[in-house]
Structure formats: C-alpha cells, structure tokens
N, C-alpha and C. Protein backbone atom coordinates (compact mmCIF):
# COMPACT_ATOMS: atom_id res chain seq x y z
N MET A 1 0.85 -1.18 0.00
CA MET A 1 0.00 0.00 0.00
C MET A 1 0.89 1.24 0.00
N GLU A 2 0.57 2.17 -0.84
CA GLU A 2 1.37 3.37 -0.99
C GLU A 2 0.97 4.43 0.02
N ARG A 3 1.94 5.11 0.58
CA ARG A 3 1.65 6.17 1.54
C ARG A 3 1.20 7.41 0.79
N LYS A 4 0.25 8.11 1.37
CA LYS A 4 -0.26 9.32 0.74
C LYS A 4 0.71 10.47 0.95
N LYS A 5 0.55 11.51 0.16
CA LYS A 5 1.46 12.65 0.24
C LYS A 5 1.36 13.39 1.56
N CYS A 6 0.21 13.32 2.23
CA CYS A 6 0.09 14.04 3.49
C CYS A 6 0.99 13.44 4.56
N PHE A 7 1.43 12.19 4.40
CA PHE A 7 2.38 11.60 5.33
C PHE A 7 3.77 12.23 5.16
N GLU A 8 4.06 12.71 3.95
CA GLU A 8 5.36 13.31 3.69
C GLU A 8 5.57 14.61 4.47
N GLU A 9 4.49 15.28 4.82
CA GLU A 9 4.57 16.52 5.59
C GLU A 9 5.03 16.28 7.02
N VAL A 10 4.84 15.06 7.51
CA VAL A 10 5.10 14.76 8.91
C VAL A 10 6.33 13.87 9.03
N ASP A 11 7.28 14.32 9.79
CA ASP A 11 8.51 13.58 10.04
C ASP A 11 8.19 12.27 10.79
N PRO A 12 8.81 11.17 10.43
CA PRO A 12 8.54 9.91 11.14
C PRO A 12 8.81 10.00 12.65
N GLU A 13 9.79 10.77 13.06
CA GLU A 13 10.05 10.94 14.49
C GLU A 13 8.89 11.65 15.18
N LEU A 14 8.32 12.65 14.49
CA LEU A 14 7.17 13.36 15.05
C LEU A 14 5.97 12.42 15.13
N GLN A 15 5.79 11.58 14.12
CA GLN A 15 4.70 10.60 14.15
C GLN A 15 4.83 9.69 15.36
N TYR A 16 6.04 9.20 15.61
CA TYR A 16 6.27 8.32 16.75
C TYR A 16 6.03 9.06 18.06
N HIS A 17 6.51 10.30 18.15
CA HIS A 17 6.32 11.10 19.37
C HIS A 17 4.83 11.35 19.63
N LEU A 18 4.07 11.68 18.59
CA LEU A 18 2.63 11.93 18.75
C LEU A 18 1.90 10.67 19.20
N LEU A 19 2.23 9.53 18.60
CA LEU A 19 1.57 8.28 18.97
C LEU A 19 1.87 7.90 20.41
N THR A 20 3.13 7.99 20.83
CA THR A 20 3.47 7.60 22.20
C THR A 20 2.87 8.56 23.22
N SER A 21 2.90 9.85 22.92
CA SER A 21 2.31 10.80 23.88
C SER A 21 0.79 10.64 23.93
N PHE A 22 0.15 10.33 22.81
CA PHE A 22 -1.29 10.11 22.80
C PHE A 22 -1.64 8.86 23.60
N ASN A 23 -0.85 7.80 23.45
CA ASN A 23 -1.11 6.56 24.18
C ASN A 23 -0.81 6.70 25.67
N ASN A 24 0.01 7.66 26.06
CA ASN A 24 0.34 7.86 27.47
C ASN A 24 -0.69 8.72 28.20
N VAL A 25 -1.67 9.26 27.48
CA VAL A 25 -2.73 10.03 28.14
C VAL A 25 -3.52 9.08 29.03
N LYS A 26 -3.84 9.51 30.23
CA LYS A 26 -4.41 8.63 31.25
C LYS A 26 -5.78 8.07 30.89
N THR A 27 -6.73 8.93 30.47
CA THR A 27 -8.09 8.46 30.25
C THR A 27 -8.52 8.64 28.80
N LYS A 28 -9.51 7.87 28.43
CA LYS A 28 -10.06 7.97 27.07
C LYS A 28 -10.75 9.32 26.87
N GLU A 29 -11.35 9.86 27.93
CA GLU A 29 -11.99 11.17 27.82
C GLU A 29 -10.98 12.24 27.46
N GLN A 30 -9.80 12.19 28.07
CA GLN A 30 -8.76 13.17 27.76
C GLN A 30 -8.25 12.98 26.34
N GLN A 31 -8.17 11.73 25.89
CA GLN A 31 -7.77 11.48 24.50
C GLN A 31 -8.81 12.05 23.54
N ASP A 32 -10.09 11.85 23.85
CA ASP A 32 -11.17 12.39 23.02
C ASP A 32 -11.12 13.91 22.97
N GLN A 33 -10.87 14.54 24.10
CA GLN A 33 -10.79 16.01 24.14
C GLN A 33 -9.63 16.51 23.29
N TYR A 34 -8.50 15.84 23.37
CA TYR A 34 -7.35 16.21 22.56
C TYR A 34 -7.68 16.09 21.07
N LEU A 35 -8.27 14.95 20.69
CA LEU A 35 -8.59 14.73 19.27
C LEU A 35 -9.63 15.74 18.78
N THR A 36 -10.61 16.05 19.62
CA THR A 36 -11.63 17.02 19.24
C THR A 36 -11.01 18.38 18.96
N GLY A 37 -9.99 18.74 19.72
CA GLY A 37 -9.30 20.01 19.50
C GLY A 37 -8.49 20.04 18.22
N MET A 38 -8.18 18.88 17.68
CA MET A 38 -7.37 18.81 16.46
C MET A 38 -8.23 18.67 15.20
N ILE A 39 -9.57 18.69 15.37
CA ILE A 39 -10.48 18.58 14.23
C ILE A 39 -11.32 19.85 14.16
N VAL A 40 -11.38 20.45 12.98
CA VAL A 40 -12.19 21.64 12.77
C VAL A 40 -13.27 21.33 11.76
N ALA A 41 -14.53 21.58 12.15
CA ALA A 41 -15.67 21.35 11.26
C ALA A 41 -16.06 22.66 10.60
N SER A 42 -16.42 22.59 9.33
CA SER A 42 -16.86 23.78 8.62
C SER A 42 -17.87 23.39 7.55
N ASP A 43 -18.55 24.39 6.99
CA ASP A 43 -19.48 24.12 5.90
C ASP A 43 -18.68 23.81 4.64
N PRO A 44 -19.18 22.89 3.80
CA PRO A 44 -18.47 22.60 2.55
C PRO A 44 -18.49 23.82 1.64
N THR A 45 -17.44 23.98 0.86
CA THR A 45 -17.38 25.14 -0.02
C THR A 45 -18.45 25.08 -1.10
N TRP A 46 -18.73 23.88 -1.59
CA TRP A 46 -19.78 23.75 -2.60
C TRP A 46 -20.35 22.35 -2.52
N VAL A 47 -21.64 22.24 -2.48
CA VAL A 47 -22.29 20.94 -2.42
C VAL A 47 -23.28 20.85 -3.56
N GLY A 48 -23.20 19.78 -4.30
CA GLY A 48 -24.21 19.54 -5.33
C GLY A 48 -23.91 20.17 -6.66
N ASP A 49 -24.86 20.03 -7.54
CA ASP A 49 -24.76 20.49 -8.90
C ASP A 49 -25.10 21.97 -8.99
N ARG A 50 -24.29 22.74 -9.66
CA ARG A 50 -24.54 24.18 -9.80
C ARG A 50 -25.87 24.46 -10.50
N LYS A 51 -26.25 23.57 -11.41
CA LYS A 51 -27.50 23.76 -12.14
C LYS A 51 -28.72 23.63 -11.22
N LYS A 52 -28.55 22.86 -10.15
CA LYS A 52 -29.66 22.68 -9.21
C LYS A 52 -29.61 23.67 -8.05
N GLY A 53 -28.72 24.59 -8.11
CA GLY A 53 -28.69 25.62 -7.09
C GLY A 53 -27.73 25.38 -5.94
N GLY A 54 -26.84 24.41 -6.06
CA GLY A 54 -25.84 24.19 -5.02
C GLY A 54 -26.43 23.68 -3.72
N LYS A 55 -25.86 24.11 -2.60
CA LYS A 55 -26.23 23.53 -1.31
C LYS A 55 -27.57 24.01 -0.79
N PHE A 56 -28.20 24.98 -1.41
CA PHE A 56 -29.46 25.50 -0.91
C PHE A 56 -30.67 24.86 -1.58
N HIS A 57 -30.45 24.00 -2.56
CA HIS A 57 -31.55 23.41 -3.31
C HIS A 57 -32.03 22.12 -2.63
N GLU A 58 -33.32 21.86 -2.67
CA GLU A 58 -33.94 20.70 -2.03
C GLU A 58 -33.38 19.38 -2.57
N ALA A 59 -32.97 19.34 -3.83
CA ALA A 59 -32.45 18.10 -4.42
C ALA A 59 -31.14 17.69 -3.78
N ASN A 60 -30.45 18.59 -3.12
CA ASN A 60 -29.16 18.29 -2.49
C ASN A 60 -29.30 18.01 -0.99
N LYS A 61 -30.48 17.66 -0.56
CA LYS A 61 -30.77 17.48 0.86
C LYS A 61 -29.89 16.42 1.52
N GLY A 62 -29.62 15.32 0.83
CA GLY A 62 -28.87 14.23 1.42
C GLY A 62 -27.36 14.36 1.28
N ARG A 63 -26.89 15.43 0.72
CA ARG A 63 -25.46 15.60 0.49
C ARG A 63 -24.71 15.94 1.77
N LYS A 64 -23.42 15.95 1.67
CA LYS A 64 -22.54 16.23 2.80
C LYS A 64 -22.83 17.61 3.39
N GLN A 65 -23.01 17.65 4.71
CA GLN A 65 -23.35 18.90 5.38
C GLN A 65 -22.15 19.56 6.04
N THR A 66 -21.10 18.79 6.31
CA THR A 66 -19.96 19.31 7.04
C THR A 66 -18.66 18.80 6.42
N THR A 67 -17.67 19.68 6.40
CA THR A 67 -16.34 19.31 5.97
C THR A 67 -15.43 19.36 7.19
N TYR A 68 -14.59 18.34 7.36
CA TYR A 68 -13.69 18.28 8.50
C TYR A 68 -12.25 18.49 8.03
N THR A 69 -11.50 19.28 8.79
CA THR A 69 -10.08 19.48 8.54
C THR A 69 -9.34 18.91 9.74
N TYR A 70 -8.33 18.10 9.47
CA TYR A 70 -7.59 17.41 10.52
C TYR A 70 -6.20 18.03 10.66
N TYR A 71 -5.81 18.29 11.90
CA TYR A 71 -4.52 18.90 12.19
C TYR A 71 -3.72 18.00 13.12
N ILE A 72 -2.40 18.14 13.05
CA ILE A 72 -1.54 17.55 14.07
C ILE A 72 -0.60 18.65 14.55
N PRO A 73 -0.25 18.64 15.84
CA PRO A 73 0.64 19.67 16.37
C PRO A 73 2.10 19.32 16.08
N THR A 74 2.93 20.34 15.98
CA THR A 74 4.37 20.13 15.84
C THR A 74 5.05 20.61 17.11
N GLU A 75 6.34 20.37 17.20
CA GLU A 75 7.08 20.79 18.38
C GLU A 75 7.21 22.31 18.47
N SER A 76 7.08 23.01 17.35
CA SER A 76 7.21 24.47 17.34
C SER A 76 5.84 25.15 17.50
N ASN A 77 4.88 24.46 18.10
CA ASN A 77 3.52 24.97 18.34
C ASN A 77 2.80 25.40 17.07
N ARG A 78 3.11 24.76 15.96
CA ARG A 78 2.37 24.94 14.72
C ARG A 78 1.43 23.78 14.55
N ARG A 79 0.49 23.95 13.65
CA ARG A 79 -0.41 22.84 13.32
C ARG A 79 -0.31 22.57 11.83
N ILE A 80 -0.16 21.29 11.49
CA ILE A 80 -0.05 20.87 10.09
C ILE A 80 -1.37 20.22 9.69
N VAL A 81 -1.88 20.56 8.53
CA VAL A 81 -3.08 19.93 8.00
C VAL A 81 -2.69 18.59 7.39
N VAL A 82 -3.41 17.55 7.77
CA VAL A 82 -3.18 16.21 7.21
C VAL A 82 -4.52 15.63 6.76
N CYS A 83 -4.46 14.59 5.97
CA CYS A 83 -5.69 13.93 5.53
C CYS A 83 -6.24 13.06 6.67
N LYS A 84 -7.46 12.62 6.50
CA LYS A 84 -8.14 11.81 7.52
C LYS A 84 -7.36 10.52 7.81
N GLU A 85 -6.88 9.85 6.76
CA GLU A 85 -6.16 8.60 6.94
C GLU A 85 -4.87 8.81 7.73
N ALA A 86 -4.16 9.89 7.44
CA ALA A 86 -2.92 10.17 8.17
C ALA A 86 -3.24 10.49 9.63
N PHE A 87 -4.29 11.25 9.87
CA PHE A 87 -4.70 11.60 11.23
C PHE A 87 -4.99 10.34 12.04
N MET A 88 -5.74 9.42 11.45
CA MET A 88 -6.08 8.19 12.16
C MET A 88 -4.83 7.33 12.38
N SER A 89 -3.98 7.25 11.39
CA SER A 89 -2.79 6.42 11.48
C SER A 89 -1.80 6.96 12.52
N ILE A 90 -1.59 8.26 12.51
CA ILE A 90 -0.63 8.87 13.43
C ILE A 90 -1.08 8.70 14.88
N HIS A 91 -2.38 8.77 15.13
CA HIS A 91 -2.89 8.64 16.49
C HIS A 91 -3.27 7.20 16.84
N GLY A 92 -3.22 6.30 15.89
CA GLY A 92 -3.53 4.90 16.15
C GLY A 92 -4.99 4.65 16.48
N ILE A 93 -5.88 5.38 15.82
CA ILE A 93 -7.31 5.21 16.05
C ILE A 93 -7.98 4.70 14.78
N GLY A 94 -9.17 4.15 14.94
CA GLY A 94 -9.92 3.64 13.81
C GLY A 94 -11.00 4.61 13.37
N SER A 95 -11.66 4.26 12.28
CA SER A 95 -12.69 5.14 11.73
C SER A 95 -13.90 5.23 12.66
N ALA A 96 -14.21 4.16 13.40
CA ALA A 96 -15.36 4.21 14.32
C ALA A 96 -15.11 5.20 15.45
N TRP A 97 -13.89 5.23 15.97
CA TRP A 97 -13.54 6.18 17.03
C TRP A 97 -13.66 7.61 16.50
N LEU A 98 -13.13 7.83 15.31
CA LEU A 98 -13.18 9.17 14.72
C LEU A 98 -14.62 9.60 14.45
N LYS A 99 -15.43 8.70 13.96
CA LYS A 99 -16.83 9.02 13.68
C LYS A 99 -17.57 9.37 14.97
N ARG A 100 -17.29 8.64 16.05
CA ARG A 100 -17.93 8.91 17.34
C ARG A 100 -17.53 10.30 17.87
N ILE A 101 -16.27 10.64 17.72
CA ILE A 101 -15.80 11.95 18.20
C ILE A 101 -16.46 13.08 17.41
N ARG A 102 -16.57 12.89 16.11
CA ARG A 102 -17.15 13.95 15.28
C ARG A 102 -18.64 14.12 15.52
N SER A 103 -19.33 13.07 15.93
CA SER A 103 -20.79 13.15 16.04
C SER A 103 -21.29 13.47 17.44
N THR A 104 -20.48 13.31 18.47
CA THR A 104 -20.94 13.55 19.84
C THR A 104 -19.94 14.40 20.59
N SER A 105 -20.35 14.86 21.76
CA SER A 105 -19.41 15.56 22.61
C SER A 105 -18.48 14.53 23.25
N PRO A 106 -17.23 14.88 23.50
CA PRO A 106 -16.27 13.90 23.99
C PRO A 106 -16.45 13.58 25.46
N GLN A 107 -17.46 12.80 25.79
CA GLN A 107 -17.66 12.34 27.16
C GLN A 107 -17.81 10.83 27.13
N SER A 108 -17.25 10.20 28.12
CA SER A 108 -17.34 8.74 28.19
C SER A 108 -18.76 8.34 28.59
N ARG A 109 -19.33 7.42 27.86
CA ARG A 109 -20.66 6.90 28.16
C ARG A 109 -20.56 5.48 28.71
N GLN A 110 -19.38 5.05 29.09
CA GLN A 110 -19.20 3.69 29.58
C GLN A 110 -19.93 3.52 30.91
N GLY A 111 -20.71 2.47 31.01
CA GLY A 111 -21.42 2.15 32.24
C GLY A 111 -22.58 3.06 32.56
N ARG A 112 -23.06 3.82 31.59
CA ARG A 112 -24.12 4.79 31.85
C ARG A 112 -25.50 4.31 31.43
N HIS A 113 -25.60 3.09 30.92
CA HIS A 113 -26.92 2.61 30.52
C HIS A 113 -27.72 2.20 31.75
N ARG A 114 -29.02 2.17 31.61
CA ARG A 114 -29.89 1.95 32.77
C ARG A 114 -30.53 0.56 32.79
N ASN A 115 -30.27 -0.27 31.82
CA ASN A 115 -30.90 -1.58 31.78
C ASN A 115 -30.00 -2.60 32.50
N ARG A 116 -30.29 -2.84 33.73
CA ARG A 116 -29.52 -3.78 34.55
C ARG A 116 -30.47 -4.84 35.12
N PRO A 117 -30.86 -5.83 34.34
CA PRO A 117 -31.81 -6.82 34.82
C PRO A 117 -31.25 -7.72 35.93
N ASN A 118 -29.94 -7.90 35.99
CA ASN A 118 -29.34 -8.79 36.98
C ASN A 118 -28.66 -8.02 38.11
N LYS A 119 -29.01 -6.77 38.29
CA LYS A 119 -28.39 -5.96 39.32
C LYS A 119 -28.78 -6.48 40.71
N ILE A 120 -27.80 -6.57 41.55
CA ILE A 120 -28.03 -7.02 42.92
C ILE A 120 -28.43 -5.81 43.76
N THR A 121 -29.57 -5.89 44.41
CA THR A 121 -30.05 -4.77 45.21
C THR A 121 -29.30 -4.70 46.54
N ALA A 122 -29.36 -3.54 47.17
CA ALA A 122 -28.69 -3.36 48.47
C ALA A 122 -29.28 -4.29 49.52
N ALA A 123 -30.58 -4.57 49.43
CA ALA A 123 -31.23 -5.47 50.41
C ALA A 123 -30.71 -6.89 50.27
N THR A 124 -30.42 -7.33 49.06
CA THR A 124 -29.90 -8.67 48.84
C THR A 124 -28.49 -8.82 49.39
N ILE A 125 -27.70 -7.77 49.29
CA ILE A 125 -26.32 -7.80 49.77
C ILE A 125 -26.27 -7.98 51.28
N GLN A 126 -27.18 -7.34 52.00
CA GLN A 126 -27.18 -7.42 53.46
C GLN A 126 -27.76 -8.69 53.88
C-alpha cells in the first residue's frame, strides 16, 4: 500500500512522538478532548450540482453537510493539515472512534446505561 502525500509533511520521528504521547494520556476522555481540539468542522465550499442551485436546493438534501479538517501539532507549536487517513494512522485510532468523536461531545458513556436486569439490590447484599 502506498503512503499518501500528506504523510510526507510529517517527520517519522514526530509521528512516533505523537503516537506515544497520545497513548500515554491517562483516560479515554482526555484522549477524546485532545482529538476534538485537532479537528475543525466547517461548511463545505460547494455541495451539489450548480444547475440545481448548489447547497441550498432541495435536491441536495442528502449531500454532505460538514467538511472536516484534521490537524496535528508540531514541536514548534504549529499545526499541520493532514488527511483523515494520516490523522487516524498517526494517532492509532480507527474510523469508528473518529466518527464517534465527530458526532458527539467527547464524554465517556461507559457504564451509563440503565438496563440492569441482573443488578443485585442493596437489600440482597445485606
């Protein structure tokens, strides 16, 4: 598999440093917050066919509503724009993780469901 050009912008040492520092973050919530700060959402510059009126026409209702730009930090406090694949690869995350971050606020929902049919009540414990 050939590496994309956006990988050429990032030094392999920087890629290794970013991956190790990302993996050393204590909680998944903090990792999500970091990743959310490195993604900028904006309106697409043009959506749909110009003949149909672009993004304001009813025929383009199902088209892409948001464009995402992915950044990685450098040691000199700059941010480099990279493609989605490079962003995921450098941070060692998958597309499902990235999709979840883009669609929700970065809060852990682990253990927050309310369906506990086998929950032991306090009366049973005593």
